[in-house]
Amino acid sequence: MTSDSAVLVVVDVQNGFIREESRHVVPVIVDLVKRWQAAGGDVVFTRYLNYEGSPFERLIKWKELRTSPQIDIVPELAPLAAKATAIVDKTMYSLFADEKGHALVSERGWKDIYVCGIATESCVLKTAVDAFELDLTPWLIEDASASHAGRDVHEAGVLVTQRFIGEGQIITTNDIPTALVGDPVRRD
């Protein structure tokens, strides 16, 4: 794998998804993005944007993330997002939900899709599974992902993702090749 065939996808780390249960992952993601960008790697941020009459409103009765500041990328990541390869706005779970994300990955020739963010059991899982179904190689970065619904839901998301894409595709930040991020920072 070369660094130009890999991309870090930071899924929906937006103000509206930050709760006590998900806040702990923000510094982990900040560190990861800083290291990835310092190594010259491509980073894509996604932002979920809800809309009136969306399936989320109609079926789940969820009306959040329609306006700023809820839709904004968290302040700790905003400067890094400004330097990202792309920010992809989406109205469904996955980076690949519409042609924008799929076209970006195809045009850039990315094959290894490293996925982290919020929420493990929905948007992170769906992005990883969609990458798998597009014959790409997804990697779910477990310690850089969280659920705003709590640890149990995060763990359920990891388990289901593992069943979809393979046990070996669930990694931590320390497992990412040094060619992509330099030497790992130990958090003992």
Foldseek 3Di string as FASTA:
>chain_A
DALLQEEEEAEAQAQQFDDPQWVVLVVVVLLQLVLLVVLVHAYEYEWAAEDPPDCCCVPVVDDPRHDPPRRPRDPSCVVSNVVHPYYHYDHAQELVPDDPSVVVSVVSNHQEYEYAYPDLQTNRLVHQLVSVVVVGQYAYALSNHTYSVHDVSSVVSLVVSCVRRNPVRYHHSCPPDCSRRNHDDDDD
